[in-house]
Amino acid sequence: MVKTRTWVIIIVLLLAVSLGLTLWLWSRPRGDVVNIYQDGELVRTIDLSLVTKEESFDLESDYGRNTILLEPGRIRVSDADCPDKVCVDSGWLTGAAPIVCLPHRLVIEFAGGRGNIDAVTG
């Protein structure tokens, strides 16, 4: 039978390895470059680490208009003329999922495919 002391050592080692992996994953460079695709075509690449003040711009196409808002280190769709406004409700872009506006065939994602979607076509 394994002694209590051995179990304590095993648990402490597992916790230390878990903590080390967590810190390593969080400290890796996140990559602040985003790609904006319209109808499957790359229309703009933005390095969010270079954004120093709030700014916005409109993307217009045959499908409609989206207003993109930039702030230091982040990006979102602040307005759109599509009927459901899911892209506006998506909020700020995170690594978990891209911002997608299906009616306008717009995708905003981190470079390198962090959102795992390259384009939306219909």
PDB file of N, CA and C in Angstrom:
ATOM      1  N   MET A   1       0.835  -1.177   0.000  1.00  0.00           N
ATOM      2  CA  MET A   1       0.000   0.000   0.000  1.00  0.00           C
ATOM      3  C   MET A   1       0.885   1.247   0.000  1.00  0.00           C
ATOM      4  N   VAL A   2       0.498   2.219  -0.814  1.00  0.00           N
ATOM      5  CA  VAL A   2       1.278   3.443  -0.945  1.00  0.00           C
ATOM      6  C   VAL A   2       1.010   4.336   0.257  1.00  0.00           C
ATOM      7  N   LYS A   3       2.100   4.893   0.778  1.00  0.00           N
ATOM      8  CA  LYS A   3       1.977   5.734   1.954  1.00  0.00           C
ATOM      9  C   LYS A   3       1.328   7.077   1.607  1.00  0.00           C
ATOM     10  N   THR A   4       0.747   7.736   2.582  1.00  0.00           N
ATOM     11  CA  THR A   4       0.110   9.039   2.406  1.00  0.00           C
ATOM     12  C   THR A   4       1.108  10.064   1.890  1.00  0.00           C
ATOM     13  N   ARG A   5       2.320   9.985   2.373  1.00  0.00           N
ATOM     14  CA  ARG A   5       3.359  10.929   1.946  1.00  0.00           C
ATOM     15  C   ARG A   5       3.603  10.826   0.435  1.00  0.00           C
ATOM     16  N   THR A   6       3.607   9.632  -0.098  1.00  0.00           N
ATOM     17  CA  THR A   6       3.805   9.423  -1.537  1.00  0.00           C
ATOM     18  C   THR A   6       2.670  10.053  -2.328  1.00  0.00           C
ATOM     19  N   TRP A   7       1.427   9.876  -1.854  1.00  0.00           N
ATOM     20  CA  TRP A   7       0.281  10.477  -2.541  1.00  0.00           C
ATOM     21  C   TRP A   7       0.360  12.003  -2.528  1.00  0.00           C
ATOM     22  N   VAL A   8       0.795  12.558  -1.440  1.00  0.00           N
ATOM     23  CA  VAL A   8       0.932  14.012  -1.347  1.00  0.00           C
ATOM     24  C   VAL A   8       1.970  14.494  -2.364  1.00  0.00           C
ATOM     25  N   ILE A   9       3.074  13.796  -2.474  1.00  0.00           N
ATOM     26  CA  ILE A   9       4.113  14.169  -3.445  1.00  0.00           C
ATOM     27  C   ILE A   9       3.573  14.069  -4.873  1.00  0.00           C
ATOM     28  N   ILE A  10       2.848  13.023  -5.186  1.00  0.00           N
ATOM     29  CA  ILE A  10       2.279  12.854  -6.523  1.00  0.00           C
ATOM     30  C   ILE A  10       1.300  13.983  -6.847  1.00  0.00           C
ATOM     31  N   ILE A  11       0.445  14.319  -5.897  1.00  0.00           N
ATOM     32  CA  ILE A  11      -0.540  15.385  -6.113  1.00  0.00           C
ATOM     33  C   ILE A  11       0.148  16.732  -6.294  1.00  0.00           C
ATOM     34  N   VAL A  12       1.149  17.019  -5.475  1.00  0.00           N
ATOM     35  CA  VAL A  12       1.883  18.285  -5.599  1.00  0.00           C
ATOM     36  C   VAL A  12       2.578  18.365  -6.955  1.00  0.00           C
ATOM     37  N   LEU A  13       3.189  17.278  -7.393  1.00  0.00           N
ATOM     38  CA  LEU A  13       3.848  17.268  -8.706  1.00  0.00           C
ATOM     39  C   LEU A  13       2.843  17.487  -9.840  1.00  0.00           C
ATOM     40  N   LEU A  14       1.688  16.851  -9.769  1.00  0.00           N
ATOM     41  CA  LEU A  14       0.659  17.048 -10.795  1.00  0.00           C
ATOM     42  C   LEU A  14       0.164  18.495 -10.815  1.00  0.00           C
ATOM     43  N   LEU A  15      -0.025  19.081  -9.644  1.00  0.00           N
ATOM     44  CA  LEU A  15      -0.447  20.480  -9.574  1.00  0.00           C
ATOM     45  C   LEU A  15       0.629  21.407 -10.136  1.00  0.00           C
ATOM     46  N   ALA A  16       1.885  21.120  -9.844  1.00  0.00           N
ATOM     47  CA  ALA A  16       2.984  21.948 -10.355  1.00  0.00           C
ATOM     48  C   ALA A  16       3.070  21.864 -11.878  1.00  0.00           C
ATOM     49  N   VAL A  17       2.918  20.680 -12.429  1.00  0.00           N
ATOM     50  CA  VAL A  17       2.944  20.520 -13.883  1.00  0.00           C
ATOM     51  C   VAL A  17       1.749  21.239 -14.512  1.00  0.00           C
ATOM     52  N   SER A  18       0.581  21.116 -13.921  1.00  0.00           N
ATOM     53  CA  SER A  18      -0.610  21.796 -14.446  1.00  0.00           C
ATOM     54  C   SER A  18      -0.436  23.312 -14.413  1.00  0.00           C
ATOM     55  N   LEU A  19       0.075  23.825 -13.317  1.00  0.00           N
ATOM     56  CA  LEU A  19       0.303  25.258 -13.201  1.00  0.00           C
ATOM     57  C   LEU A  19       1.338  25.724 -14.223  1.00  0.00           C
ATOM     58  N   GLY A  20       2.407  24.955 -14.375  1.00  0.00           N
ATOM     59  CA  GLY A  20       3.434  25.307 -15.354  1.00  0.00           C
ATOM     60  C   GLY A  20       2.892  25.347 -16.770  1.00  0.00           C
ATOM     61  N   LEU A  21       2.088  24.356 -17.158  1.00  0.00           N
ATOM     62  CA  LEU A  21       1.490  24.345 -18.498  1.00  0.00           C
ATOM     63  C   LEU A  21       0.534  25.516 -18.692  1.00  0.00           C
ATOM     64  N   THR A  22      -0.246  25.820 -17.672  1.00  0.00           N
ATOM     65  CA  THR A  22      -1.173  26.950 -17.762  1.00  0.00           C
ATOM     66  C   THR A  22      -0.424  28.252 -17.956  1.00  0.00           C
ATOM     67  N   LEU A  23       0.603  28.481 -17.169  1.00  0.00           N
ATOM     68  CA  LEU A  23       1.397  29.707 -17.313  1.00  0.00           C
ATOM     69  C   LEU A  23       2.078  29.781 -18.666  1.00  0.00           C
ATOM     70  N   TRP A  24       2.565  28.663 -19.151  1.00  0.00           N
ATOM     71  CA  TRP A  24       3.221  28.635 -20.466  1.00  0.00           C
ATOM     72  C   TRP A  24       2.226  28.985 -21.580  1.00  0.00           C
ATOM     73  N   LEU A  25       1.030  28.417 -21.523  1.00  0.00           N
ATOM     74  CA  LEU A  25       0.026  28.707 -22.553  1.00  0.00           C
ATOM     75  C   LEU A  25      -0.401  30.165 -22.514  1.00  0.00           C
ATOM     76  N   TRP A  26      -0.560  30.739 -21.337  1.00  0.00           N
ATOM     77  CA  TRP A  26      -0.975  32.134 -21.217  1.00  0.00           C
ATOM     78  C   TRP A  26       0.126  33.101 -21.623  1.00  0.00           C
ATOM     79  N   SER A  27       1.376  32.700 -21.473  1.00  0.00           N
ATOM     80  CA  SER A  27       2.481  33.611 -21.772  1.00  0.00           C
ATOM     81  C   SER A  27       2.891  33.586 -23.242  1.00  0.00           C
ATOM     82  N   ARG A  28       2.394  32.616 -23.995  1.00  0.00           N
ATOM     83  CA  ARG A  28       2.735  32.553 -25.420  1.00  0.00           C
ATOM     84  C   ARG A  28       2.208  33.786 -26.123  1.00  0.00           C
ATOM     85  N   PRO A  29       2.929  34.279 -27.157  1.00  0.00           N
ATOM     86  CA  PRO A  29       2.431  35.432 -27.902  1.00  0.00           C
ATOM     87  C   PRO A  29       1.061  35.120 -28.502  1.00  0.00           C
ATOM     88  N   ARG A  30       0.124  36.008 -28.273  1.00  0.00           N
ATOM     89  CA  ARG A  30      -1.246  35.780 -28.716  1.00  0.00           C
ATOM     90  C   ARG A  30      -1.416  36.064 -30.188  1.00  0.00           C
ATOM     91  N   GLY A  31      -0.649  36.981 -30.718  1.00  0.00           N
ATOM     92  CA  GLY A  31      -0.828  37.346 -32.108  1.00  0.00           C
ATOM     93  C   GLY A  31      -2.009  38.287 -32.237  1.00  0.00           C
ATOM     94  N   ASP A  32      -1.733  39.525 -32.510  1.00  0.00           N
ATOM     95  CA  ASP A  32      -2.787  40.526 -32.567  1.00  0.00           C
ATOM     96  C   ASP A  32      -3.125  40.937 -33.991  1.00  0.00           C
ATOM     97  N   VAL A  33      -2.776  40.118 -34.958  1.00  0.00           N
ATOM     98  CA  VAL A  33      -3.077  40.435 -36.351  1.00  0.00           C
ATOM     99  C   VAL A  33      -4.399  39.780 -36.714  1.00  0.00           C
ATOM    100  N   VAL A  34      -5.327  40.584 -37.257  1.00  0.00           N
ATOM    101  CA  VAL A  34      -6.613  40.051 -37.684  1.00  0.00           C
ATOM    102  C   VAL A  34      -6.755  40.203 -39.194  1.00  0.00           C
ATOM    103  N   ASN A  35      -7.456  39.270 -39.771  1.00  0.00           N
ATOM    104  CA  ASN A  35      -7.786  39.323 -41.197  1.00  0.00           C
ATOM    105  C   ASN A  35      -9.281  39.552 -41.345  1.00  0.00           C
ATOM    106  N   ILE A  36      -9.636  40.381 -42.318  1.00  0.00           N
ATOM    107  CA  ILE A  36     -11.038  40.637 -42.611  1.00  0.00           C
ATOM    108  C   ILE A  36     -11.308  40.125 -44.025  1.00  0.00           C
ATOM    109  N   TYR A  37     -12.267  39.216 -44.131  1.00  0.00           N
ATOM    110  CA  TYR A  37     -12.641  38.624 -45.410  1.00  0.00           C
ATOM    111  C   TYR A  37     -14.038  39.083 -45.791  1.00  0.00           C
ATOM    112  N   GLN A  38     -14.225  39.408 -47.067  1.00  0.00           N
ATOM    113  CA  GLN A  38     -15.550  39.746 -47.587  1.00  0.00           C
ATOM    114  C   GLN A  38     -15.772  38.862 -48.808  1.00  0.00           C
ATOM    115  N   ASP A  39     -16.815  38.062 -48.760  1.00  0.00           N
ATOM    116  CA  ASP A  39     -17.163  37.156 -49.861  1.00  0.00           C
ATOM    117  C   ASP A  39     -15.994  36.239 -50.220  1.00  0.00           C
ATOM    118  N   GLY A  40     -15.264  35.799 -49.187  1.00  0.00           N
ATOM    119  CA  GLY A  40     -14.171  34.863 -49.381  1.00  0.00           C
ATOM    120  C   GLY A  40     -12.841  35.490 -49.768  1.00  0.00           C
ATOM    121  N   GLU A  41     -12.804  36.793 -49.959  1.00  0.00           N
ATOM    122  CA  GLU A  41     -11.573  37.486 -50.358  1.00  0.00           C
ATOM    123  C   GLU A  41     -11.022  38.269 -49.164  1.00  0.00           C
ATOM    124  N   LEU A  42      -9.705  38.203 -48.970  1.00  0.00           N
ATOM    125  CA  LEU A  42      -9.067  38.993 -47.930  1.00  0.00           C
ATOM    126  C   LEU A  42      -9.096  40.456 -48.349  1.00  0.00           C
ATOM    127  N   VAL A  43      -9.768  41.297 -47.553  1.00  0.00           N
ATOM    128  CA  VAL A  43      -9.887  42.712 -47.905  1.00  0.00           C
ATOM    129  C   VAL A  43      -9.018  43.606 -47.037  1.00  0.00           C
ATOM    130  N   ARG A  44      -8.654  43.115 -45.842  1.00  0.00           N
ATOM    131  CA  ARG A  44      -7.838  43.966 -44.983  1.00  0.00           C
ATOM    132  C   ARG A  44      -7.183  43.116 -43.896  1.00  0.00           C
ATOM    133  N   THR A  45      -5.952  43.482 -43.566  1.00  0.00           N
ATOM    134  CA  THR A  45      -5.226  42.878 -42.458  1.00  0.00           C
ATOM    135  C   THR A  45      -4.851  44.003 -41.503  1.00  0.00           C
ATOM    136  N   ILE A  46      -5.120  43.804 -40.217  1.00  0.00           N
ATOM    137  CA  ILE A  46      -4.881  44.850 -39.219  1.00  0.00           C
ATOM    138  C   ILE A  46      -4.067  44.265 -38.063  1.00  0.00           C
ATOM    139  N   ASP A  47      -2.996  44.956 -37.693  1.00  0.00           N
ATOM    140  CA  ASP A  47      -2.222  44.583 -36.517  1.00  0.00           C
ATOM    141  C   ASP A  47      -2.765  45.397 -35.345  1.00  0.00           C
ATOM    142  N   LEU A  48      -3.508  44.736 -34.465  1.00  0.00           N
ATOM    143  CA  LEU A  48      -4.157  45.430 -33.359  1.00  0.00           C
ATOM    144  C   LEU A  48      -3.160  46.009 -32.359  1.00  0.00           C
ATOM    145  N   SER A  49      -1.947  45.493 -32.341  1.00  0.00           N
ATOM    146  CA  SER A  49      -0.948  46.037 -31.416  1.00  0.00           C
ATOM    147  C   SER A  49      -0.477  47.419 -31.857  1.00  0.00           C
ATOM    148  N   LEU A  50      -0.775  47.807 -33.109  1.00  0.00           N
ATOM    149  CA  LEU A  50      -0.382  49.125 -33.607  1.00  0.00           C
ATOM    150  C   LEU A  50      -1.494  50.163 -33.471  1.00  0.00           C
ATOM    151  N   VAL A  51      -2.672  49.732 -33.063  1.00  0.00           N
ATOM    152  CA  VAL A  51      -3.793  50.652 -32.884  1.00  0.00           C
ATOM    153  C   VAL A  51      -3.581  51.404 -31.573  1.00  0.00           C
ATOM    154  N   THR A  52      -3.558  52.735 -31.638  1.00  0.00           N
ATOM    155  CA  THR A  52      -3.274  53.535 -30.442  1.00  0.00           C
ATOM    156  C   THR A  52      -4.480  54.321 -29.939  1.00  0.00           C
ATOM    157  N   LYS A  53      -5.514  54.468 -30.778  1.00  0.00           N
ATOM    158  CA  LYS A  53      -6.697  55.200 -30.363  1.00  0.00           C
ATOM    159  C   LYS A  53      -7.913  54.585 -31.049  1.00  0.00           C
ATOM    160  N   GLU A  54      -9.087  54.922 -30.546  1.00  0.00           N
ATOM    161  CA  GLU A  54     -10.312  54.398 -31.145  1.00  0.00           C
ATOM    162  C   GLU A  54     -10.484  54.948 -32.544  1.00  0.00           C
ATOM    163  N   GLU A  55     -10.809  54.055 -33.472  1.00  0.00           N
ATOM    164  CA  GLU A  55     -11.102  54.474 -34.847  1.00  0.00           C
ATOM    165  C   GLU A  55     -12.094  53.486 -35.443  1.00  0.00           C
ATOM    166  N   SER A  56     -12.779  53.917 -36.476  1.00  0.00           N
ATOM    167  CA  SER A  56     -13.731  53.040 -37.137  1.00  0.00           C
ATOM    168  C   SER A  56     -13.687  53.275 -38.636  1.00  0.00           C
ATOM    169  N   PHE A  57     -14.174  52.283 -39.354  1.00  0.00           N
ATOM    170  CA  PHE A  57     -14.278  52.392 -40.804  1.00  0.00           C
ATOM    171  C   PHE A  57     -15.438  51.524 -41.271  1.00  0.00           C
ATOM    172  N   ASP A  58     -15.961  51.851 -42.439  1.00  0.00           N
ATOM    173  CA  ASP A  58     -17.078  51.103 -43.012  1.00  0.00           C
ATOM    174  C   ASP A  58     -16.572  50.162 -44.095  1.00  0.00           C
ATOM    175  N   LEU A  59     -17.143  48.977 -44.128  1.00  0.00           N
ATOM    176  CA  LEU A  59     -16.935  48.037 -45.227  1.00  0.00           C
ATOM    177  C   LEU A  59     -18.253  47.931 -45.969  1.00  0.00           C
ATOM    178  N   GLU A  60     -18.248  48.345 -47.220  1.00  0.00           N
ATOM    179  CA  GLU A  60     -19.474  48.289 -48.022  1.00  0.00           C
ATOM    180  C   GLU A  60     -19.276  47.329 -49.181  1.00  0.00           C
ATOM    181  N   SER A  61     -20.312  46.584 -49.469  1.00  0.00           N
ATOM    182  CA  SER A  61     -20.287  45.650 -50.596  1.00  0.00           C
ATOM    183  C   SER A  61     -21.682  45.593 -51.198  1.00  0.00           C
ATOM    184  N   ASP A  62     -21.844  44.745 -52.180  1.00  0.00           N
ATOM    185  CA  ASP A  62     -23.169  44.553 -52.773  1.00  0.00           C
ATOM    186  C   ASP A  62     -24.157  43.973 -51.769  1.00  0.00           C
ATOM    187  N   TYR A  63     -23.636  43.376 -50.690  1.00  0.00           N
ATOM    188  CA  TYR A  63     -24.487  42.721 -49.706  1.00  0.00           C
ATOM    189  C   TYR A  63     -24.936  43.666 -48.594  1.00  0.00           C
ATOM    190  N   GLY A  64     -24.193  44.757 -48.376  1.00  0.00           N
ATOM    191  CA  GLY A  64     -24.559  45.692 -47.322  1.00  0.00           C
ATOM    192  C   GLY A  64     -23.346  46.369 -46.711  1.00  0.00           C
ATOM    193  N   ARG A  65     -23.574  47.016 -45.550  1.00  0.00           N
ATOM    194  CA  ARG A  65     -22.528  47.803 -44.896  1.00  0.00           C
ATOM    195  C   ARG A  65     -22.318  47.323 -43.455  1.00  0.00           C
ATOM    196  N   ASN A  66     -21.038  47.216 -43.068  1.00  0.00           N
ATOM    197  CA  ASN A  66     -20.649  46.929 -41.692  1.00  0.00           C
ATOM    198  C   ASN A  66     -19.710  48.038 -41.228  1.00  0.00           C
ATOM    199  N   THR A  67     -19.914  48.515 -40.004  1.00  0.00           N
ATOM    200  CA  THR A  67     -18.994  49.472 -39.403  1.00  0.00           C
ATOM    201  C   THR A  67     -18.099  48.713 -38.439  1.00  0.00           C
ATOM    202  N   ILE A  68     -16.788  48.799 -38.660  1.00  0.00           N
ATOM    203  CA  ILE A  68     -15.805  48.096 -37.850  1.00  0.00           C
ATOM    204  C   ILE A  68     -15.195  49.096 -36.865  1.00  0.00           C
ATOM    205  N   LEU A  69     -15.161  48.725 -35.595  1.00  0.00           N
ATOM    206  CA  LEU A  69     -14.595  49.586 -34.553  1.00  0.00           C
ATOM    207  C   LEU A  69     -13.294  48.977 -34.062  1.00  0.00           C
ATOM    208  N   LEU A  70     -12.249  49.801 -34.025  1.00  0.00           N
ATOM    209  CA  LEU A  70     -10.948  49.386 -33.514  1.00  0.00           C
ATOM    210  C   LEU A  70     -10.636  50.162 -32.248  1.00  0.00           C
ATOM    211  N   GLU A  71     -10.104  49.478 -31.265  1.00  0.00           N
ATOM    212  CA  GLU A  71      -9.552  50.089 -30.065  1.00  0.00           C
ATOM    213  C   GLU A  71      -8.220  49.403 -29.826  1.00  0.00           C
ATOM    214  N   PRO A  72      -7.352  49.987 -29.028  1.00  0.00           N
ATOM    215  CA  PRO A  72      -6.060  49.342 -28.791  1.00  0.00           C
ATOM    216  C   PRO A  72      -6.211  47.881 -28.371  1.00  0.00           C
ATOM    217  N   GLY A  73      -5.727  46.977 -29.211  1.00  0.00           N
ATOM    218  CA  GLY A  73      -5.742  45.554 -28.909  1.00  0.00           C
ATOM    219  C   GLY A  73      -7.021  44.808 -29.185  1.00  0.00           C
ATOM    220  N   ARG A  74      -8.058  45.475 -29.742  1.00  0.00           N
ATOM    221  CA  ARG A  74      -9.308  44.752 -29.991  1.00  0.00           C
ATOM    222  C   ARG A  74     -10.093  45.329 -31.166  1.00  0.00           C
ATOM    223  N   ILE A  75     -11.039  44.505 -31.664  1.00  0.00           N
ATOM    224  CA  ILE A  75     -11.822  44.857 -32.850  1.00  0.00           C
ATOM    225  C   ILE A  75     -13.221  44.257 -32.711  1.00  0.00           C
ATOM    226  N   ARG A  76     -14.210  44.955 -33.280  1.00  0.00           N
ATOM    227  CA  ARG A  76     -15.583  44.441 -33.284  1.00  0.00           C
ATOM    228  C   ARG A  76     -16.358  45.080 -34.423  1.00  0.00           C
ATOM    229  N   VAL A  77     -17.522  44.531 -34.721  1.00  0.00           N
ATOM    230  CA  VAL A  77     -18.474  45.153 -35.636  1.00  0.00           C
ATOM    231  C   VAL A  77     -19.417  45.959 -34.753  1.00  0.00           C
ATOM    232  N   SER A  78     -19.415  47.281 -34.933  1.00  0.00           N
ATOM    233  CA  SER A  78     -20.235  48.128 -34.070  1.00  0.00           C
ATOM    234  C   SER A  78     -21.606  48.416 -34.666  1.00  0.00           C
ATOM    235  N   ASP A  79     -21.734  48.278 -35.994  1.00  0.00           N
ATOM    236  CA  ASP A  79     -23.034  48.512 -36.636  1.00  0.00           C
ATOM    237  C   ASP A  79     -23.069  47.764 -37.957  1.00  0.00           C
ATOM    238  N   ALA A  80     -24.261  47.395 -38.367  1.00  0.00           N
ATOM    239  CA  ALA A  80     -24.465  46.709 -39.642  1.00  0.00           C
ATOM    240  C   ALA A  80     -25.891  46.945 -40.094  1.00  0.00           C
ATOM    241  N   ASP A  81     -26.091  46.923 -41.410  1.00  0.00           N
ATOM    242  CA  ASP A  81     -27.451  47.115 -41.903  1.00  0.00           C
ATOM    243  C   ASP A  81     -28.132  45.790 -42.255  1.00  0.00           C
ATOM    244  N   CYS A  82     -27.613  44.688 -41.700  1.00  0.00           N
ATOM    245  CA  CYS A  82     -28.257  43.388 -41.917  1.00  0.00           C
ATOM    246  C   CYS A  82     -29.437  43.253 -40.956  1.00  0.00           C
ATOM    247  N   PRO A  83     -30.387  42.387 -41.250  1.00  0.00           N
ATOM    248  CA  PRO A  83     -31.593  42.310 -40.428  1.00  0.00           C
ATOM    249  C   PRO A  83     -31.380  41.703 -39.033  1.00  0.00           C
ATOM    250  N   ASP A  84     -30.462  40.748 -38.879  1.00  0.00           N
ATOM    251  CA  ASP A  84     -30.352  40.075 -37.582  1.00  0.00           C
ATOM    252  C   ASP A  84     -29.286  40.653 -36.646  1.00  0.00           C
ATOM    253  N   LYS A  85     -28.297  41.331 -37.177  1.00  0.00           N
ATOM    254  CA  LYS A  85     -27.232  41.983 -36.394  1.00  0.00           C
ATOM    255  C   LYS A  85     -26.497  41.033 -35.441  1.00  0.00           C
ATOM    256  N   VAL A  86     -26.368  39.779 -35.843  1.00  0.00           N
ATOM    257  CA  VAL A  86     -25.626  38.818 -35.032  1.00  0.00           C
ATOM    258  C   VAL A  86     -24.170  39.246 -34.908  1.00  0.00           C
ATOM    259  N   CYS A  87     -23.610  39.807 -35.964  1.00  0.00           N
ATOM    260  CA  CYS A  87     -22.213  40.250 -35.933  1.00  0.00           C
ATOM    261  C   CYS A  87     -22.013  41.374 -34.914  1.00  0.00           C
ATOM    262  N   VAL A  88     -22.985  42.257 -34.789  1.00  0.00           N
ATOM    263  CA  VAL A  88     -22.900  43.347 -33.817  1.00  0.00           C
ATOM    264  C   VAL A  88     -23.001  42.774 -32.402  1.00  0.00           C
ATOM    265  N   ASP A  89     -23.893  41.821 -32.217  1.00  0.00           N
ATOM    266  CA  ASP A  89     -24.093  41.209 -30.909  1.00  0.00           C
ATOM    267  C   ASP A  89     -22.926  40.313 -30.496  1.00  0.00           C
ATOM    268  N   SER A  90     -22.037  39.956 -31.435  1.00  0.00           N
ATOM    269  CA  SER A  90     -20.890  39.100 -31.122  1.00  0.00           C
ATOM    270  C   SER A  90     -19.906  39.778 -30.187  1.00  0.00           C
ATOM    271  N   GLY A  91     -19.884  41.101 -30.188  1.00  0.00           N
ATOM    272  CA  GLY A  91     -18.969  41.827 -29.309  1.00  0.00           C
ATOM    273  C   GLY A  91     -17.549  41.839 -29.846  1.00  0.00           C
ATOM    274  N   TRP A  92     -16.605  41.959 -28.928  1.00  0.00           N
ATOM    275  CA  TRP A  92     -15.192  42.040 -29.296  1.00  0.00           C
ATOM    276  C   TRP A  92     -14.681  40.678 -29.710  1.00  0.00           C
ATOM    277  N   LEU A  93     -13.793  40.680 -30.704  1.00  0.00           N
ATOM    278  CA  LEU A  93     -13.201  39.435 -31.196  1.00  0.00           C
ATOM    279  C   LEU A  93     -12.319  38.826 -30.127  1.00  0.00           C
ATOM    280  N   THR A  94     -12.522  37.526 -29.888  1.00  0.00           N
ATOM    281  CA  THR A  94     -11.654  36.769 -28.992  1.00  0.00           C
ATOM    282  C   THR A  94     -11.068  35.623 -29.795  1.00  0.00           C
ATOM    283  N   GLY A  95     -10.171  34.863 -29.188  1.00  0.00           N
ATOM    284  CA  GLY A  95      -9.574  33.741 -29.905  1.00  0.00           C
ATOM    285  C   GLY A  95     -10.522  32.574 -30.079  1.00  0.00           C
ATOM    286  N   ALA A  96     -11.632  32.586 -29.341  1.00  0.00           N
ATOM    287  CA  ALA A  96     -12.539  31.445 -29.349  1.00  0.00           C
ATOM    288  C   ALA A  96     -13.277  31.283 -30.670  1.00  0.00           C
ATOM    289  N   ALA A  97     -13.726  32.356 -31.255  1.00  0.00           N
ATOM    290  CA  ALA A  97     -14.530  32.265 -32.474  1.00  0.00           C
ATOM    291  C   ALA A  97     -14.403  33.554 -33.270  1.00  0.00           C
ATOM    292  N   PRO A  98     -14.507  33.450 -34.591  1.00  0.00           N
ATOM    293  CA  PRO A  98     -14.459  34.661 -35.414  1.00  0.00           C
ATOM    294  C   PRO A  98     -15.774  35.421 -35.326  1.00  0.00           C
ATOM    295  N   ILE A  99     -15.741  36.643 -35.792  1.00  0.00           N
ATOM    296  CA  ILE A  99     -16.973  37.418 -35.961  1.00  0.00           C
ATOM    297  C   ILE A  99     -17.454  37.143 -37.377  1.00  0.00           C
ATOM    298  N   VAL A 100     -18.720  36.766 -37.520  1.00  0.00           N
ATOM    299  CA  VAL A 100     -19.255  36.398 -38.827  1.00  0.00           C
ATOM    300  C   VAL A 100     -20.554  37.150 -39.074  1.00  0.00           C
ATOM    301  N   CYS A 101     -20.672  37.749 -40.260  1.00  0.00           N
ATOM    302  CA  CYS A 101     -21.925  38.339 -40.706  1.00  0.00           C
ATOM    303  C   CYS A 101     -22.313  37.605 -41.987  1.00  0.00           C
ATOM    304  N   LEU A 102     -23.174  36.611 -41.856  1.00  0.00           N
ATOM    305  CA  LEU A 102     -23.551  35.799 -43.017  1.00  0.00           C
ATOM    306  C   LEU A 102     -24.256  36.597 -44.108  1.00  0.00           C
ATOM    307  N   PRO A 103     -25.198  37.498 -43.767  1.00  0.00           N
ATOM    308  CA  PRO A 103     -25.867  38.238 -44.855  1.00  0.00           C
ATOM    309  C   PRO A 103     -24.887  39.061 -45.698  1.00  0.00           C
ATOM    310  N   HIS A 104     -23.808  39.548 -45.077  1.00  0.00           N
ATOM    311  CA  HIS A 104     -22.836  40.374 -45.810  1.00  0.00           C
ATOM    312  C   HIS A 104     -21.597  39.594 -46.211  1.00  0.00           C
ATOM    313  N   ARG A 105     -21.594  38.301 -45.891  1.00  0.00           N
ATOM    314  CA  ARG A 105     -20.469  37.423 -46.215  1.00  0.00           C
ATOM    315  C   ARG A 105     -19.154  37.981 -45.685  1.00  0.00           C
ATOM    316  N   LEU A 106     -19.169  38.378 -44.426  1.00  0.00           N
ATOM    317  CA  LEU A 106     -18.030  38.997 -43.769  1.00  0.00           C
ATOM    318  C   LEU A 106     -17.527  38.099 -42.655  1.00  0.00           C
ATOM    319  N   VAL A 107     -16.200  37.945 -42.565  1.00  0.00           N
ATOM    320  CA  VAL A 107     -15.568  37.187 -41.491  1.00  0.00           C
ATOM    321  C   VAL A 107     -14.382  37.986 -40.985  1.00  0.00           C
ATOM    322  N   ILE A 108     -14.296  38.143 -39.666  1.00  0.00           N
ATOM    323  CA  ILE A 108     -13.146  38.776 -39.033  1.00  0.00           C
ATOM    324  C   ILE A 108     -12.562  37.740 -38.086  1.00  0.00           C
ATOM    325  N   GLU A 109     -11.270  37.410 -38.273  1.00  0.00           N
ATOM    326  CA  GLU A 109     -10.636  36.404 -37.436  1.00  0.00           C
ATOM    327  C   GLU A 109      -9.169  36.739 -37.224  1.00  0.00           C
ATOM    328  N   PHE A 110      -8.593  36.153 -36.186  1.00  0.00           N
ATOM    329  CA  PHE A 110      -7.170  36.317 -35.961  1.00  0.00           C
ATOM    330  C   PHE A 110      -6.404  35.615 -37.074  1.00  0.00           C
ATOM    331  N   ALA A 111      -5.301  36.200 -37.511  1.00  0.00           N
ATOM    332  CA  ALA A 111      -4.466  35.588 -38.538  1.00  0.00           C
ATOM    333  C   ALA A 111      -3.949  34.259 -38.021  1.00  0.00           C
ATOM    334  N   GLY A 112      -3.772  33.331 -38.925  1.00  0.00           N
ATOM    335  CA  GLY A 112      -3.320  32.009 -38.516  1.00  0.00           C
ATOM    336  C   GLY A 112      -4.461  31.062 -38.236  1.00  0.00           C
ATOM    337  N   GLY A 113      -5.680  31.482 -38.519  1.00  0.00           N
ATOM    338  CA  GLY A 113      -6.831  30.595 -38.402  1.00  0.00           C
ATOM    339  C   GLY A 113      -7.254  30.285 -36.986  1.00  0.00           C
ATOM    340  N   ARG A 114      -7.008  31.212 -36.037  1.00  0.00           N
ATOM    341  CA  ARG A 114      -7.390  30.935 -34.657  1.00  0.00           C
ATOM    342  C   ARG A 114      -8.878  30.677 -34.531  1.00  0.00           C
ATOM    343  N   GLY A 115      -9.665  31.232 -35.450  1.00  0.00           N
ATOM    344  CA  GLY A 115     -11.096  30.979 -35.415  1.00  0.00           C
ATOM    345  C   GLY A 115     -11.495  29.777 -36.237  1.00  0.00           C
ATOM    346  N   ASN A 116     -10.541  29.179 -36.965  1.00  0.00           N
ATOM    347  CA  ASN A 116     -10.735  27.988 -37.782  1.00  0.00           C
ATOM    348  C   ASN A 116     -11.733  28.173 -38.914  1.00  0.00           C
ATOM    349  N   ILE A 117     -11.950  29.400 -39.366  1.00  0.00           N
ATOM    350  CA  ILE A 117     -12.793  29.660 -40.518  1.00  0.00           C
ATOM    351  C   ILE A 117     -12.017  30.595 -41.428  1.00  0.00           C
ATOM    352  N   ASP A 118     -11.879  30.236 -42.689  1.00  0.00           N
ATOM    353  CA  ASP A 118     -11.159  31.091 -43.613  1.00  0.00           C
ATOM    354  C   ASP A 118     -12.095  32.030 -44.350  1.00  0.00           C
ATOM    355  N   ALA A 119     -13.288  31.587 -44.668  1.00  0.00           N
ATOM    356  CA  ALA A 119     -14.212  32.426 -45.410  1.00  0.00           C
ATOM    357  C   ALA A 119     -15.614  31.858 -45.301  1.00  0.00           C
ATOM    358  N   VAL A 120     -16.568  32.695 -45.558  1.00  0.00           N
ATOM    359  CA  VAL A 120     -17.956  32.255 -45.614  1.00  0.00           C
ATOM    360  C   VAL A 120     -18.467  32.586 -47.011  1.00  0.00           C
ATOM    361  N   THR A 121     -18.956  31.590 -47.675  1.00  0.00           N
ATOM    362  CA  THR A 121     -19.502  31.809 -49.017  1.00  0.00           C
ATOM    363  C   THR A 121     -20.902  31.267 -49.036  1.00  0.00           C
ATOM    364  N   GLY A 122     -21.657  31.738 -49.969  1.00  0.00           N
ATOM    365  CA  GLY A 122     -23.026  31.263 -49.982  1.00  0.00           C
ATOM    366  C   GLY A 122     -23.465  31.070 -51.352  1.00  0.00           C
TER     367      GLY A 122
END
